[in-house]
Amino acid sequence: MEKLIFIIDDNDANLTVAASALEAEYRVLTMASAAKMFTLLEKFKPDLILLDIEMPEMTGLEAIEILKKNSMWSEIPCLFLTGRNDEKLLAETKESGAEDIIFKPITAPVLLDYVKKYI
């Protein structure tokens, strides 16, 4: 059975690039908000979550805090996606429980390498 990956990003272009890079090898569900992710988690359990940090309604850091507190979801590996690169952010992502961070702009080879490492 194909592995399922959730990609959450409020930018359609980022969703398209990430989905295009992964769809040949994985089942991919894209969504524009963490709220949508939590709705879909009621129906599907992904093998990996790619989660944008900077989103308007709920940040990736807020979303992962909820994920890691729920025993049904806490073991799902999460990778952050971000365009930011600063010390404070890196420290926050390490403390959050995320496996890793991928810096934007996303390229297919880099994204595939990260996914294969954690799936």
PDB file of N, CA and C in Angstrom:
ATOM      1  N   MET A   1       0.840  -1.187   0.000  1.00  0.00           N
ATOM      2  CA  MET A   1       0.000   0.000   0.000  1.00  0.00           C
ATOM      3  C   MET A   1       0.884   1.249   0.000  1.00  0.00           C
ATOM      4  N   GLU A   2       0.491   2.210  -0.805  1.00  0.00           N
ATOM      5  CA  GLU A   2       1.269   3.445  -0.886  1.00  0.00           C
ATOM      6  C   GLU A   2       1.223   4.212   0.427  1.00  0.00           C
ATOM      7  N   LYS A   3       2.327   4.815   0.758  1.00  0.00           N
ATOM      8  CA  LYS A   3       2.401   5.658   1.947  1.00  0.00           C
ATOM      9  C   LYS A   3       1.633   6.954   1.680  1.00  0.00           C
ATOM     10  N   LEU A   4       0.983   7.465   2.719  1.00  0.00           N
ATOM     11  CA  LEU A   4       0.183   8.683   2.612  1.00  0.00           C
ATOM     12  C   LEU A   4       0.921   9.840   3.264  1.00  0.00           C
ATOM     13  N   ILE A   5       0.984  10.959   2.544  1.00  0.00           N
ATOM     14  CA  ILE A   5       1.626  12.168   3.045  1.00  0.00           C
ATOM     15  C   ILE A   5       0.619  13.308   3.029  1.00  0.00           C
ATOM     16  N   PHE A   6       0.519  14.017   4.146  1.00  0.00           N
ATOM     17  CA  PHE A   6      -0.259  15.254   4.223  1.00  0.00           C
ATOM     18  C   PHE A   6       0.708  16.410   3.977  1.00  0.00           C
ATOM     19  N   ILE A   7       0.300  17.348   3.133  1.00  0.00           N
ATOM     20  CA  ILE A   7       1.078  18.579   2.930  1.00  0.00           C
ATOM     21  C   ILE A   7       0.162  19.745   3.300  1.00  0.00           C
ATOM     22  N   ILE A   8       0.595  20.553   4.264  1.00  0.00           N
ATOM     23  CA  ILE A   8      -0.202  21.678   4.732  1.00  0.00           C
ATOM     24  C   ILE A   8       0.591  22.956   4.517  1.00  0.00           C
ATOM     25  N   ASP A   9       0.032  23.844   3.683  1.00  0.00           N
ATOM     26  CA  ASP A   9       0.676  25.125   3.384  1.00  0.00           C
ATOM     27  C   ASP A   9      -0.406  26.069   2.885  1.00  0.00           C
ATOM     28  N   ASP A  10      -0.374  27.313   3.312  1.00  0.00           N
ATOM     29  CA  ASP A  10      -1.382  28.274   2.874  1.00  0.00           C
ATOM     30  C   ASP A  10      -1.071  28.877   1.504  1.00  0.00           C
ATOM     31  N   ASN A  11       0.037  28.476   0.900  1.00  0.00           N
ATOM     32  CA  ASN A  11       0.434  28.979  -0.421  1.00  0.00           C
ATOM     33  C   ASN A  11       0.201  27.882  -1.456  1.00  0.00           C
ATOM     34  N   ASP A  12      -0.709  28.146  -2.410  1.00  0.00           N
ATOM     35  CA  ASP A  12      -1.053  27.140  -3.431  1.00  0.00           C
ATOM     36  C   ASP A  12       0.153  26.708  -4.256  1.00  0.00           C
ATOM     37  N   ALA A  13       1.039  27.637  -4.565  1.00  0.00           N
ATOM     38  CA  ALA A  13       2.217  27.294  -5.373  1.00  0.00           C
ATOM     39  C   ALA A  13       3.098  26.281  -4.630  1.00  0.00           C
ATOM     40  N   ASN A  14       3.279  26.479  -3.324  1.00  0.00           N
ATOM     41  CA  ASN A  14       4.077  25.532  -2.532  1.00  0.00           C
ATOM     42  C   ASN A  14       3.418  24.157  -2.485  1.00  0.00           C
ATOM     43  N   LEU A  15       2.083  24.133  -2.348  1.00  0.00           N
ATOM     44  CA  LEU A  15       1.360  22.859  -2.344  1.00  0.00           C
ATOM     45  C   LEU A  15       1.550  22.130  -3.670  1.00  0.00           C
ATOM     46  N   THR A  16       1.456  22.875  -4.757  1.00  0.00           N
ATOM     47  CA  THR A  16       1.590  22.281  -6.094  1.00  0.00           C
ATOM     48  C   THR A  16       2.983  21.705  -6.302  1.00  0.00           C
ATOM     49  N   VAL A  17       4.009  22.451  -5.943  1.00  0.00           N
ATOM     50  CA  VAL A  17       5.389  21.990  -6.118  1.00  0.00           C
ATOM     51  C   VAL A  17       5.636  20.734  -5.280  1.00  0.00           C
ATOM     52  N   ALA A  18       5.218  20.762  -4.028  1.00  0.00           N
ATOM     53  CA  ALA A  18       5.455  19.622  -3.139  1.00  0.00           C
ATOM     54  C   ALA A  18       4.676  18.394  -3.607  1.00  0.00           C
ATOM     55  N   ALA A  19       3.415  18.586  -3.969  1.00  0.00           N
ATOM     56  CA  ALA A  19       2.601  17.455  -4.430  1.00  0.00           C
ATOM     57  C   ALA A  19       3.175  16.867  -5.714  1.00  0.00           C
ATOM     58  N   SER A  20       3.573  17.710  -6.639  1.00  0.00           N
ATOM     59  CA  SER A  20       4.148  17.227  -7.906  1.00  0.00           C
ATOM     60  C   SER A  20       5.409  16.417  -7.672  1.00  0.00           C
ATOM     61  N   ALA A  21       6.202  16.829  -6.694  1.00  0.00           N
ATOM     62  CA  ALA A  21       7.450  16.127  -6.402  1.00  0.00           C
ATOM     63  C   ALA A  21       7.208  14.739  -5.804  1.00  0.00           C
ATOM     64  N   LEU A  22       6.075  14.561  -5.123  1.00  0.00           N
ATOM     65  CA  LEU A  22       5.854  13.336  -4.361  1.00  0.00           C
ATOM     66  C   LEU A  22       4.835  12.368  -4.961  1.00  0.00           C
ATOM     67  N   GLU A  23       3.958  12.847  -5.814  1.00  0.00           N
ATOM     68  CA  GLU A  23       2.825  12.040  -6.285  1.00  0.00           C
ATOM     69  C   GLU A  23       3.206  10.777  -7.055  1.00  0.00           C
ATOM     70  N   ALA A  24       4.366  10.751  -7.643  1.00  0.00           N
ATOM     71  CA  ALA A  24       4.768   9.547  -8.388  1.00  0.00           C
ATOM     72  C   ALA A  24       5.035   8.368  -7.449  1.00  0.00           C
ATOM     73  N   GLU A  25       5.439   8.658  -6.215  1.00  0.00           N
ATOM     74  CA  GLU A  25       5.823   7.587  -5.286  1.00  0.00           C
ATOM     75  C   GLU A  25       4.912   7.448  -4.067  1.00  0.00           C
ATOM     76  N   TYR A  26       4.075   8.454  -3.800  1.00  0.00           N
ATOM     77  CA  TYR A  26       3.260   8.458  -2.592  1.00  0.00           C
ATOM     78  C   TYR A  26       1.847   8.948  -2.894  1.00  0.00           C
ATOM     79  N   ARG A  27       0.911   8.579  -2.012  1.00  0.00           N
ATOM     80  CA  ARG A  27      -0.411   9.213  -2.041  1.00  0.00           C
ATOM     81  C   ARG A  27      -0.258  10.523  -1.301  1.00  0.00           C
ATOM     82  N   VAL A  28      -0.796  11.584  -1.852  1.00  0.00           N
ATOM     83  CA  VAL A  28      -0.609  12.912  -1.286  1.00  0.00           C
ATOM     84  C   VAL A  28      -1.965  13.592  -1.110  1.00  0.00           C
ATOM     85  N   LEU A  29      -2.181  14.151   0.064  1.00  0.00           N
ATOM     86  CA  LEU A  29      -3.336  15.014   0.300  1.00  0.00           C
ATOM     87  C   LEU A  29      -2.807  16.384   0.681  1.00  0.00           C
ATOM     88  N   THR A  30      -3.261  17.408  -0.045  1.00  0.00           N
ATOM     89  CA  THR A  30      -2.829  18.770   0.248  1.00  0.00           C
ATOM     90  C   THR A  30      -3.966  19.534   0.909  1.00  0.00           C
ATOM     91  N   MET A  31      -3.600  20.452   1.772  1.00  0.00           N
ATOM     92  CA  MET A  31      -4.599  21.292   2.428  1.00  0.00           C
ATOM     93  C   MET A  31      -3.977  22.633   2.773  1.00  0.00           C
ATOM     94  N   ALA A  32      -4.840  23.651   2.850  1.00  0.00           N
ATOM     95  CA  ALA A  32      -4.358  25.017   3.023  1.00  0.00           C
ATOM     96  C   ALA A  32      -4.333  25.496   4.470  1.00  0.00           C
ATOM     97  N   SER A  33      -4.740  24.635   5.408  1.00  0.00           N
ATOM     98  CA  SER A  33      -4.748  25.085   6.809  1.00  0.00           C
ATOM     99  C   SER A  33      -4.598  23.895   7.754  1.00  0.00           C
ATOM    100  N   ALA A  34      -4.135  24.208   8.952  1.00  0.00           N
ATOM    101  CA  ALA A  34      -4.019  23.177   9.986  1.00  0.00           C
ATOM    102  C   ALA A  34      -5.403  22.689  10.409  1.00  0.00           C
ATOM    103  N   ALA A  35      -6.393  23.567  10.382  1.00  0.00           N
ATOM    104  CA  ALA A  35      -7.755  23.154  10.736  1.00  0.00           C
ATOM    105  C   ALA A  35      -8.237  22.046   9.802  1.00  0.00           C
ATOM    106  N   LYS A  36      -7.970  22.195   8.511  1.00  0.00           N
ATOM    107  CA  LYS A  36      -8.345  21.160   7.542  1.00  0.00           C
ATOM    108  C   LYS A  36      -7.571  19.867   7.837  1.00  0.00           C
ATOM    109  N   MET A  37      -6.316  19.993   8.211  1.00  0.00           N
ATOM    110  CA  MET A  37      -5.514  18.812   8.549  1.00  0.00           C
ATOM    111  C   MET A  37      -6.164  18.039   9.693  1.00  0.00           C
ATOM    112  N   PHE A  38      -6.594  18.736  10.732  1.00  0.00           N
ATOM    113  CA  PHE A  38      -7.197  18.043  11.872  1.00  0.00           C
ATOM    114  C   PHE A  38      -8.505  17.362  11.479  1.00  0.00           C
ATOM    115  N   THR A  39      -9.262  17.971  10.571  1.00  0.00           N
ATOM    116  CA  THR A  39     -10.486  17.338  10.068  1.00  0.00           C
ATOM    117  C   THR A  39     -10.143  16.045   9.334  1.00  0.00           C
ATOM    118  N   LEU A  40      -9.130  16.085   8.486  1.00  0.00           N
ATOM    119  CA  LEU A  40      -8.741  14.895   7.722  1.00  0.00           C
ATOM    120  C   LEU A  40      -8.075  13.828   8.600  1.00  0.00           C
ATOM    121  N   LEU A  41      -7.453  14.233   9.680  1.00  0.00           N
ATOM    122  CA  LEU A  41      -6.847  13.252  10.594  1.00  0.00           C
ATOM    123  C   LEU A  41      -7.902  12.372  11.264  1.00  0.00           C
ATOM    124  N   GLU A  42      -9.141  12.828  11.284  1.00  0.00           N
ATOM    125  CA  GLU A  42     -10.230  12.010  11.824  1.00  0.00           C
ATOM    126  C   GLU A  42     -10.539  10.825  10.903  1.00  0.00           C
ATOM    127  N   LYS A  43     -10.194  10.958   9.608  1.00  0.00           N
ATOM    128  CA  LYS A  43     -10.513   9.934   8.609  1.00  0.00           C
ATOM    129  C   LYS A  43      -9.297   9.155   8.123  1.00  0.00           C
ATOM    130  N   PHE A  44      -8.142   9.804   8.106  1.00  0.00           N
ATOM    131  CA  PHE A  44      -6.924   9.218   7.543  1.00  0.00           C
ATOM    132  C   PHE A  44      -5.771   9.375   8.526  1.00  0.00           C
ATOM    133  N   LYS A  45      -4.866   8.387   8.525  1.00  0.00           N
ATOM    134  CA  LYS A  45      -3.647   8.514   9.320  1.00  0.00           C
ATOM    135  C   LYS A  45      -2.467   8.520   8.354  1.00  0.00           C
ATOM    136  N   PRO A  46      -1.870   9.683   8.149  1.00  0.00           N
ATOM    137  CA  PRO A  46      -0.743   9.760   7.215  1.00  0.00           C
ATOM    138  C   PRO A  46       0.515   9.120   7.793  1.00  0.00           C
ATOM    139  N   ASP A  47       1.420   8.763   6.895  1.00  0.00           N
ATOM    140  CA  ASP A  47       2.715   8.225   7.298  1.00  0.00           C
ATOM    141  C   ASP A  47       3.712   9.340   7.572  1.00  0.00           C
ATOM    142  N   LEU A  48       3.388  10.552   7.087  1.00  0.00           N
ATOM    143  CA  LEU A  48       4.264  11.710   7.254  1.00  0.00           C
ATOM    144  C   LEU A  48       3.429  12.967   7.049  1.00  0.00           C
ATOM    145  N   ILE A  49       3.766  14.023   7.798  1.00  0.00           N
ATOM    146  CA  ILE A  49       3.117  15.322   7.637  1.00  0.00           C
ATOM    147  C   ILE A  49       4.182  16.359   7.307  1.00  0.00           C
ATOM    148  N   LEU A  50       3.964  17.089   6.227  1.00  0.00           N
ATOM    149  CA  LEU A  50       4.792  18.240   5.866  1.00  0.00           C
ATOM    150  C   LEU A  50       3.983  19.476   6.234  1.00  0.00           C
ATOM    151  N   LEU A  51       4.482  20.287   7.138  1.00  0.00           N
ATOM    152  CA  LEU A  51       3.692  21.339   7.762  1.00  0.00           C
ATOM    153  C   LEU A  51       4.391  22.688   7.672  1.00  0.00           C
ATOM    154  N   ASP A  52       3.725  23.618   6.987  1.00  0.00           N
ATOM    155  CA  ASP A  52       4.236  24.987   6.905  1.00  0.00           C
ATOM    156  C   ASP A  52       4.200  25.616   8.293  1.00  0.00           C
ATOM    157  N   ILE A  53       5.179  26.427   8.611  1.00  0.00           N
ATOM    158  CA  ILE A  53       5.208  27.076   9.924  1.00  0.00           C
ATOM    159  C   ILE A  53       4.359  28.339   9.930  1.00  0.00           C
ATOM    160  N   GLU A  54       4.513  29.165   8.914  1.00  0.00           N
ATOM    161  CA  GLU A  54       3.852  30.469   8.888  1.00  0.00           C
ATOM    162  C   GLU A  54       2.504  30.359   8.179  1.00  0.00           C
ATOM    163  N   MET A  55       1.431  30.215   8.953  1.00  0.00           N
ATOM    164  CA  MET A  55       0.078  30.187   8.399  1.00  0.00           C
ATOM    165  C   MET A  55      -0.792  31.116   9.233  1.00  0.00           C
ATOM    166  N   PRO A  56      -1.825  31.703   8.616  1.00  0.00           N
ATOM    167  CA  PRO A  56      -2.588  32.750   9.299  1.00  0.00           C
ATOM    168  C   PRO A  56      -3.429  32.306  10.493  1.00  0.00           C
ATOM    169  N   GLU A  57      -4.216  31.255  10.373  1.00  0.00           N
ATOM    170  CA  GLU A  57      -5.145  30.912  11.446  1.00  0.00           C
ATOM    171  C   GLU A  57      -4.480  30.147  12.592  1.00  0.00           C
ATOM    172  N   MET A  58      -3.637  29.194  12.243  1.00  0.00           N
ATOM    173  CA  MET A  58      -2.904  28.409  13.227  1.00  0.00           C
ATOM    174  C   MET A  58      -1.533  28.127  12.638  1.00  0.00           C
ATOM    175  N   THR A  59      -0.484  28.479  13.364  1.00  0.00           N
ATOM    176  CA  THR A  59       0.860  28.248  12.844  1.00  0.00           C
ATOM    177  C   THR A  59       1.194  26.757  12.914  1.00  0.00           C
ATOM    178  N   GLY A  60       2.215  26.376  12.193  1.00  0.00           N
ATOM    179  CA  GLY A  60       2.686  25.002  12.256  1.00  0.00           C
ATOM    180  C   GLY A  60       3.156  24.624  13.650  1.00  0.00           C
ATOM    181  N   LEU A  61       3.749  25.567  14.359  1.00  0.00           N
ATOM    182  CA  LEU A  61       4.197  25.295  15.727  1.00  0.00           C
ATOM    183  C   LEU A  61       3.009  25.036  16.653  1.00  0.00           C
ATOM    184  N   GLU A  62       1.933  25.788  16.480  1.00  0.00           N
ATOM    185  CA  GLU A  62       0.725  25.555  17.278  1.00  0.00           C
ATOM    186  C   GLU A  62       0.102  24.203  16.918  1.00  0.00           C
ATOM    187  N   ALA A  63       0.085  23.890  15.627  1.00  0.00           N
ATOM    188  CA  ALA A  63      -0.515  22.634  15.162  1.00  0.00           C
ATOM    189  C   ALA A  63       0.264  21.418  15.672  1.00  0.00           C
ATOM    190  N   ILE A  64       1.589  21.485  15.631  1.00  0.00           N
ATOM    191  CA  ILE A  64       2.376  20.322  16.067  1.00  0.00           C
ATOM    192  C   ILE A  64       2.228  20.104  17.574  1.00  0.00           C
ATOM    193  N   GLU A  65       2.019  21.173  18.314  1.00  0.00           N
ATOM    194  CA  GLU A  65       1.797  21.027  19.753  1.00  0.00           C
ATOM    195  C   GLU A  65       0.535  20.183  19.999  1.00  0.00           C
ATOM    196  N   ILE A  66      -0.509  20.432  19.239  1.00  0.00           N
ATOM    197  CA  ILE A  66      -1.748  19.659  19.359  1.00  0.00           C
ATOM    198  C   ILE A  66      -1.511  18.220  18.895  1.00  0.00           C
ATOM    199  N   LEU A  67      -0.817  18.069  17.772  1.00  0.00           N
ATOM    200  CA  LEU A  67      -0.531  16.727  17.247  1.00  0.00           C
ATOM    201  C   LEU A  67       0.209  15.868  18.266  1.00  0.00           C
ATOM    202  N   LYS A  68       1.238  16.417  18.845  1.00  0.00           N
ATOM    203  CA  LYS A  68       2.112  15.639  19.735  1.00  0.00           C
ATOM    204  C   LYS A  68       1.447  15.321  21.073  1.00  0.00           C
ATOM    205  N   LYS A  69       0.385  16.058  21.441  1.00  0.00           N
ATOM    206  CA  LYS A  69      -0.335  15.781  22.684  1.00  0.00           C
ATOM    207  C   LYS A  69      -1.404  14.705  22.508  1.00  0.00           C
ATOM    208  N   ASN A  70      -1.739  14.370  21.263  1.00  0.00           N
ATOM    209  CA  ASN A  70      -2.793  13.392  20.990  1.00  0.00           C
ATOM    210  C   ASN A  70      -2.147  12.036  20.714  1.00  0.00           C
ATOM    211  N   SER A  71      -2.484  11.041  21.504  1.00  0.00           N
ATOM    212  CA  SER A  71      -1.830   9.733  21.372  1.00  0.00           C
ATOM    213  C   SER A  71      -2.085   9.067  20.014  1.00  0.00           C
ATOM    214  N   MET A  72      -3.181   9.421  19.339  1.00  0.00           N
ATOM    215  CA  MET A  72      -3.459   8.829  18.023  1.00  0.00           C
ATOM    216  C   MET A  72      -2.523   9.391  16.946  1.00  0.00           C
ATOM    217  N   TRP A  73      -2.010  10.590  17.169  1.00  0.00           N
ATOM    218  CA  TRP A  73      -1.222  11.263  16.141  1.00  0.00           C
ATOM    219  C   TRP A  73       0.228  11.518  16.543  1.00  0.00           C
ATOM    220  N   SER A  74       0.566  11.336  17.783  1.00  0.00           N
ATOM    221  CA  SER A  74       1.869  11.783  18.278  1.00  0.00           C
ATOM    222  C   SER A  74       3.059  11.089  17.611  1.00  0.00           C
ATOM    223  N   GLU A  75       2.854   9.890  17.086  1.00  0.00           N
ATOM    224  CA  GLU A  75       3.952   9.150  16.464  1.00  0.00           C
ATOM    225  C   GLU A  75       4.130   9.450  14.974  1.00  0.00           C
ATOM    226  N   ILE A  76       3.229  10.254  14.389  1.00  0.00           N
ATOM    227  CA  ILE A  76       3.353  10.590  12.963  1.00  0.00           C
ATOM    228  C   ILE A  76       4.536  11.548  12.805  1.00  0.00           C
ATOM    229  N   PRO A  77       5.516  11.196  11.978  1.00  0.00           N
ATOM    230  CA  PRO A  77       6.640  12.119  11.777  1.00  0.00           C
ATOM    231  C   PRO A  77       6.179  13.392  11.082  1.00  0.00           C
ATOM    232  N   CYS A  78       6.673  14.527  11.576  1.00  0.00           N
ATOM    233  CA  CYS A  78       6.344  15.833  11.012  1.00  0.00           C
ATOM    234  C   CYS A  78       7.620  16.548  10.595  1.00  0.00           C
ATOM    235  N   LEU A  79       7.574  17.105   9.398  1.00  0.00           N
ATOM    236  CA  LEU A  79       8.665  17.939   8.906  1.00  0.00           C
ATOM    237  C   LEU A  79       8.095  19.331   8.674  1.00  0.00           C
ATOM    238  N   PHE A  80       8.784  20.339   9.165  1.00  0.00           N
ATOM    239  CA  PHE A  80       8.348  21.707   8.928  1.00  0.00           C
ATOM    240  C   PHE A  80       8.842  22.208   7.583  1.00  0.00           C
ATOM    241  N   LEU A  81       8.033  23.062   6.973  1.00  0.00           N
ATOM    242  CA  LEU A  81       8.408  23.787   5.762  1.00  0.00           C
ATOM    243  C   LEU A  81       8.436  25.268   6.136  1.00  0.00           C
ATOM    244  N   THR A  82       9.488  25.974   5.749  1.00  0.00           N
ATOM    245  CA  THR A  82       9.543  27.397   6.072  1.00  0.00           C
ATOM    246  C   THR A  82      10.470  28.157   5.137  1.00  0.00           C
ATOM    247  N   GLY A  83      10.167  29.430   4.992  1.00  0.00           N
ATOM    248  CA  GLY A  83      11.039  30.336   4.266  1.00  0.00           C
ATOM    249  C   GLY A  83      11.947  31.099   5.208  1.00  0.00           C
ATOM    250  N   ARG A  84      11.674  30.990   6.508  1.00  0.00           N
ATOM    251  CA  ARG A  84      12.488  31.685   7.512  1.00  0.00           C
ATOM    252  C   ARG A  84      13.702  30.853   7.879  1.00  0.00           C
ATOM    253  N   ASN A  85      14.761  31.536   8.225  1.00  0.00           N
ATOM    254  CA  ASN A  85      15.967  30.846   8.672  1.00  0.00           C
ATOM    255  C   ASN A  85      16.634  31.692   9.746  1.00  0.00           C
ATOM    256  N   ASP A  86      16.161  31.529  10.969  1.00  0.00           N
ATOM    257  CA  ASP A  86      16.781  32.276  12.059  1.00  0.00           C
ATOM    258  C   ASP A  86      16.935  31.365  13.274  1.00  0.00           C
ATOM    259  N   GLU A  87      17.820  31.753  14.163  1.00  0.00           N
ATOM    260  CA  GLU A  87      18.170  30.932  15.327  1.00  0.00           C
ATOM    261  C   GLU A  87      16.963  30.625  16.207  1.00  0.00           C
ATOM    262  N   LYS A  88      16.125  31.631  16.453  1.00  0.00           N
ATOM    263  CA  LYS A  88      14.958  31.448  17.316  1.00  0.00           C
ATOM    264  C   LYS A  88      14.027  30.387  16.733  1.00  0.00           C
ATOM    265  N   LEU A  89      13.776  30.471  15.434  1.00  0.00           N
ATOM    266  CA  LEU A  89      12.898  29.508  14.775  1.00  0.00           C
ATOM    267  C   LEU A  89      13.483  28.097  14.846  1.00  0.00           C
ATOM    268  N   LEU A  90      14.769  27.971  14.575  1.00  0.00           N
ATOM    269  CA  LEU A  90      15.406  26.660  14.624  1.00  0.00           C
ATOM    270  C   LEU A  90      15.293  26.040  16.019  1.00  0.00           C
ATOM    271  N   ALA A  91      15.461  26.848  17.045  1.00  0.00           N
ATOM    272  CA  ALA A  91      15.327  26.352  18.419  1.00  0.00           C
ATOM    273  C   ALA A  91      13.885  25.912  18.688  1.00  0.00           C
ATOM    274  N   GLU A  92      12.917  26.712  18.239  1.00  0.00           N
ATOM    275  CA  GLU A  92      11.512  26.366  18.458  1.00  0.00           C
ATOM    276  C   GLU A  92      11.139  25.070  17.745  1.00  0.00           C
ATOM    277  N   THR A  93      11.662  24.863  16.534  1.00  0.00           N
ATOM    278  CA  THR A  93      11.310  23.643  15.802  1.00  0.00           C
ATOM    279  C   THR A  93      11.920  22.416  16.468  1.00  0.00           C
ATOM    280  N   LYS A  94      13.120  22.537  16.989  1.00  0.00           N
ATOM    281  CA  LYS A  94      13.747  21.404  17.679  1.00  0.00           C
ATOM    282  C   LYS A  94      12.958  21.021  18.930  1.00  0.00           C
ATOM    283  N   GLU A  95      12.474  22.016  19.655  1.00  0.00           N
ATOM    284  CA  GLU A  95      11.712  21.773  20.883  1.00  0.00           C
ATOM    285  C   GLU A  95      10.307  21.243  20.605  1.00  0.00           C
ATOM    286  N   SER A  96       9.795  21.453  19.407  1.00  0.00           N
ATOM    287  CA  SER A  96       8.400  21.149  19.087  1.00  0.00           C
ATOM    288  C   SER A  96       8.102  19.662  18.920  1.00  0.00           C
ATOM    289  N   GLY A  97       9.135  18.889  18.615  1.00  0.00           N
ATOM    290  CA  GLY A  97       8.909  17.477  18.335  1.00  0.00           C
ATOM    291  C   GLY A  97       8.947  17.152  16.852  1.00  0.00           C
ATOM    292  N   ALA A  98       9.168  18.158  16.019  1.00  0.00           N
ATOM    293  CA  ALA A  98       9.301  17.908  14.582  1.00  0.00           C
ATOM    294  C   ALA A  98      10.606  17.162  14.321  1.00  0.00           C
ATOM    295  N   GLU A  99      10.574  16.294  13.318  1.00  0.00           N
ATOM    296  CA  GLU A  99      11.775  15.534  12.979  1.00  0.00           C
ATOM    297  C   GLU A  99      12.831  16.399  12.313  1.00  0.00           C
ATOM    298  N   ASP A 100      12.376  17.359  11.490  1.00  0.00           N
ATOM    299  CA  ASP A 100      13.337  18.151  10.724  1.00  0.00           C
ATOM    300  C   ASP A 100      12.641  19.374  10.159  1.00  0.00           C
ATOM    301  N   ILE A 101      13.417  20.199   9.456  1.00  0.00           N
ATOM    302  CA  ILE A 101      12.896  21.406   8.836  1.00  0.00           C
ATOM    303  C   ILE A 101      13.437  21.480   7.406  1.00  0.00           C
ATOM    304  N   ILE A 102      12.567  21.818   6.481  1.00  0.00           N
ATOM    305  CA  ILE A 102      12.940  21.961   5.072  1.00  0.00           C
ATOM    306  C   ILE A 102      12.748  23.427   4.710  1.00  0.00           C
ATOM    307  N   PHE A 103      13.792  24.025   4.171  1.00  0.00           N
ATOM    308  CA  PHE A 103      13.724  25.444   3.840  1.00  0.00           C
ATOM    309  C   PHE A 103      13.213  25.651   2.414  1.00  0.00           C
ATOM    310  N   LYS A 104      12.339  26.648   2.267  1.00  0.00           N
ATOM    311  CA  LYS A 104      11.808  27.019   0.966  1.00  0.00           C
ATOM    312  C   LYS A 104      12.810  27.951   0.294  1.00  0.00           C
ATOM    313  N   PRO A 105      12.846  28.002  -1.006  1.00  0.00           N
ATOM    314  CA  PRO A 105      11.951  27.321  -1.931  1.00  0.00           C
ATOM    315  C   PRO A 105      12.238  25.820  -1.997  1.00  0.00           C
ATOM    316  N   ILE A 106      11.175  25.061  -2.090  1.00  0.00           N
ATOM    317  CA  ILE A 106      11.257  23.603  -2.121  1.00  0.00           C
ATOM    318  C   ILE A 106      11.659  23.145  -3.516  1.00  0.00           C
ATOM    319  N   THR A 107      12.583  22.191  -3.574  1.00  0.00           N
ATOM    320  CA  THR A 107      12.904  21.552  -4.852  1.00  0.00           C
ATOM    321  C   THR A 107      12.578  20.067  -4.727  1.00  0.00           C
ATOM    322  N   ALA A 108      12.184  19.470  -5.820  1.00  0.00           N
ATOM    323  CA  ALA A 108      11.756  18.069  -5.814  1.00  0.00           C
ATOM    324  C   ALA A 108      12.824  17.121  -5.255  1.00  0.00           C
ATOM    325  N   PRO A 109      14.081  17.198  -5.711  1.00  0.00           N
ATOM    326  CA  PRO A 109      15.080  16.244  -5.197  1.00  0.00           C
ATOM    327  C   PRO A 109      15.302  16.359  -3.691  1.00  0.00           C
ATOM    328  N   VAL A 110      15.347  17.579  -3.180  1.00  0.00           N
ATOM    329  CA  VAL A 110      15.559  17.780  -1.748  1.00  0.00           C
ATOM    330  C   VAL A 110      14.366  17.253  -0.959  1.00  0.00           C
ATOM    331  N   LEU A 111      13.165  17.577  -1.420  1.00  0.00           N
ATOM    332  CA  LEU A 111      11.962  17.120  -0.727  1.00  0.00           C
ATOM    333  C   LEU A 111      11.887  15.594  -0.709  1.00  0.00           C
ATOM    334  N   LEU A 112      12.153  14.960  -1.826  1.00  0.00           N
ATOM    335  CA  LEU A 112      12.140  13.498  -1.890  1.00  0.00           C
ATOM    336  C   LEU A 112      13.167  12.878  -0.936  1.00  0.00           C
ATOM    337  N   ASP A 113      14.337  13.464  -0.862  1.00  0.00           N
ATOM    338  CA  ASP A 113      15.360  12.964   0.067  1.00  0.00           C
ATOM    339  C   ASP A 113      14.882  13.005   1.510  1.00  0.00           C
ATOM    340  N   TYR A 114      14.294  14.131   1.907  1.00  0.00           N
ATOM    341  CA  TYR A 114      13.789  14.269   3.277  1.00  0.00           C
ATOM    342  C   TYR A 114      12.669  13.245   3.541  1.00  0.00           C
ATOM    343  N   VAL A 115      11.736  13.131   2.614  1.00  0.00           N
ATOM    344  CA  VAL A 115      10.601  12.219   2.793  1.00  0.00           C
ATOM    345  C   VAL A 115      11.088  10.786   2.928  1.00  0.00           C
ATOM    346  N   LYS A 116      11.996  10.381   2.064  1.00  0.00           N
ATOM    347  CA  LYS A 116      12.509   9.004   2.108  1.00  0.00           C
ATOM    348  C   LYS A 116      13.250   8.743   3.423  1.00  0.00           C
ATOM    349  N   LYS A 117      13.890   9.761   3.946  1.00  0.00           N
ATOM    350  CA  LYS A 117      14.618   9.613   5.210  1.00  0.00           C
ATOM    351  C   LYS A 117      13.674   9.321   6.384  1.00  0.00           C
ATOM    352  N   TYR A 118      12.476   9.907   6.358  1.00  0.00           N
ATOM    353  CA  TYR A 118      11.590   9.831   7.521  1.00  0.00           C
ATOM    354  C   TYR A 118      10.375   8.909   7.330  1.00  0.00           C
ATOM    355  N   ILE A 119      10.209   8.352   6.156  1.00  0.00           N
ATOM    356  CA  ILE A 119       9.038   7.474   5.936  1.00  0.00           C
ATOM    357  C   ILE A 119       9.469   6.022   6.026  1.00  0.00           C
TER     358      ILE A 119
END
